[in-house]
Protein backbone atom coordinates (compact mmCIF):
# COMPACT_ATOMS: atom_id res chain seq x y z
CA MET A 1 0.92 -18.46 -4.99
CA PRO A 2 -0.13 -15.09 -3.65
CA LYS A 3 0.06 -13.86 -0.10
CA ILE A 4 -3.48 -13.56 1.25
CA ALA A 5 -4.96 -11.84 4.29
CA PRO A 6 -5.71 -14.02 7.33
CA ASP A 7 -9.41 -13.15 7.23
CA ILE A 8 -9.90 -15.01 3.93
CA LEU A 9 -8.07 -18.22 4.85
CA GLU A 10 -10.08 -21.42 4.57
CA PRO A 11 -9.61 -24.91 6.05
CA GLY A 12 -7.74 -27.24 3.72
CA MET A 13 -5.44 -24.57 2.26
CA LYS A 14 -1.72 -25.35 2.53
CA THR A 15 1.01 -22.88 3.34
CA ALA A 16 3.53 -22.27 0.57
CA ARG A 17 6.05 -20.61 2.90
CA PRO A 18 6.52 -20.49 6.67
CA VAL A 19 3.94 -18.29 8.41
CA VAL A 20 5.63 -15.54 10.43
CA ASN A 21 4.30 -12.74 12.62
CA THR A 22 5.34 -9.10 12.26
CA SER A 23 8.34 -9.77 14.53
CA GLY A 24 9.61 -12.51 12.22
CA MET A 25 8.78 -15.40 14.56
CA VAL A 26 7.86 -18.57 12.66
CA LEU A 27 4.38 -19.70 13.66
CA LEU A 28 3.76 -22.47 11.12
CA GLY A 29 6.01 -24.32 8.73
CA GLU A 30 5.79 -24.62 4.98
CA ASN A 31 3.30 -27.22 3.62
CA THR A 32 1.07 -27.02 6.69
CA GLU A 33 -2.60 -27.77 5.99
CA LEU A 34 -4.77 -25.17 7.65
CA THR A 35 -7.49 -26.23 10.06
CA PRO A 36 -10.15 -23.99 11.62
CA GLU A 37 -8.09 -23.94 14.84
CA LEU A 38 -4.87 -22.91 13.06
CA ILE A 39 -6.73 -20.22 11.12
CA ASN A 40 -8.10 -18.78 14.37
CA ARG A 41 -4.59 -18.74 15.84
CA ILE A 42 -3.22 -16.97 12.76
CA ARG A 43 -5.98 -14.37 12.96
CA ASN A 44 -5.27 -13.74 16.66
CA MET A 45 -1.53 -13.26 16.13
CA GLN A 46 0.25 -10.46 14.32
CA VAL A 47 0.28 -11.98 10.83
CA ASP A 48 -0.15 -9.67 7.86
CA GLY A 49 -0.61 -12.42 5.28
CA VAL A 50 -0.05 -16.08 4.45
CA TRP A 51 1.49 -17.54 1.29
CA ILE A 52 -0.86 -20.27 0.03
CA GLN A 53 -0.09 -23.11 -2.39
CA GLY A 54 -1.99 -23.47 -5.60
CA LEU A 55 -3.45 -20.00 -5.90
CA SER A 56 -2.53 -18.10 -9.03
CA LYS A 57 -1.84 -14.43 -9.37
CA PRO A 58 -4.73 -12.16 -10.30
CA SER A 59 -5.43 -11.80 -14.00
CA LEU A 60 -5.89 -8.02 -13.71
CA PRO A 61 -2.62 -6.04 -14.02
CA MET A 62 -1.55 -4.49 -10.71
CA GLU A 63 -1.59 -0.97 -12.18
CA THR A 64 -5.22 -1.44 -13.22
CA ALA A 65 -6.21 -2.77 -9.79
CA LEU A 66 -4.50 0.15 -8.04
CA ALA A 67 -6.09 2.67 -10.40
CA GLU A 68 -9.51 1.16 -9.64
CA LEU A 69 -8.79 1.43 -5.92
CA ASP A 70 -7.90 5.10 -6.28
CA ARG A 71 -11.05 5.69 -8.35
CA ARG A 72 -13.25 4.11 -5.69
CA PHE A 73 -11.71 6.20 -2.90
CA ARG A 74 -11.53 9.50 -4.81
CA LEU A 75 -14.55 11.03 -3.07
CA VAL A 76 -13.17 10.38 0.42
CA THR A 77 -9.54 11.42 -0.10
CA GLY A 78 -8.24 13.32 2.90
CA GLN A 79 -10.54 11.64 5.41
CA PRO A 80 -8.16 10.04 7.93
CA HIS A 81 -10.11 6.83 8.52
CA MET A 82 -10.74 6.26 4.84
CA ASP A 83 -7.07 6.94 4.05
CA ILE A 84 -6.11 4.18 6.50
CA ILE A 85 -8.52 1.75 4.84
CA ARG A 86 -7.29 2.67 1.35
CA LYS A 87 -3.67 2.20 2.44
CA ALA A 88 -4.46 -1.25 3.89
CA VAL A 89 -6.29 -2.36 0.75
CA ARG A 90 -3.44 -1.02 -1.42
CA LYS A 91 -0.90 -3.03 0.60
CA HIS A 92 -3.06 -6.14 0.19
CA ILE A 93 -3.36 -5.65 -3.58
CA GLU A 94 0.41 -5.15 -3.91
CA GLY A 95 0.95 -8.34 -1.87
CA LEU A 96 -1.10 -10.32 -4.37
CA TYR A 97 1.49 -9.58 -7.05
CA GLU A 98 4.65 -10.48 -5.09
């Protein structure tokens, strides 16, 4: 049950843990089935990820995934906007393995 980004949520998924915003406020309880309306609310609030039931962890080792990320961004290292994107993707990848 990985933590996934709000932009890839789909209707019918169920929360595995309470959904909280960056301030720690509980927005949805555990075992809540997501609807299009709830997904839109999650996306509009400060939520960095949602724990979803039934999804397994990636089969690729985290070290391999992070090395591939670094390889893909090697030509743009030091560019501020690309560094922000790389950091966000890295955080997402690390969240998949929690």
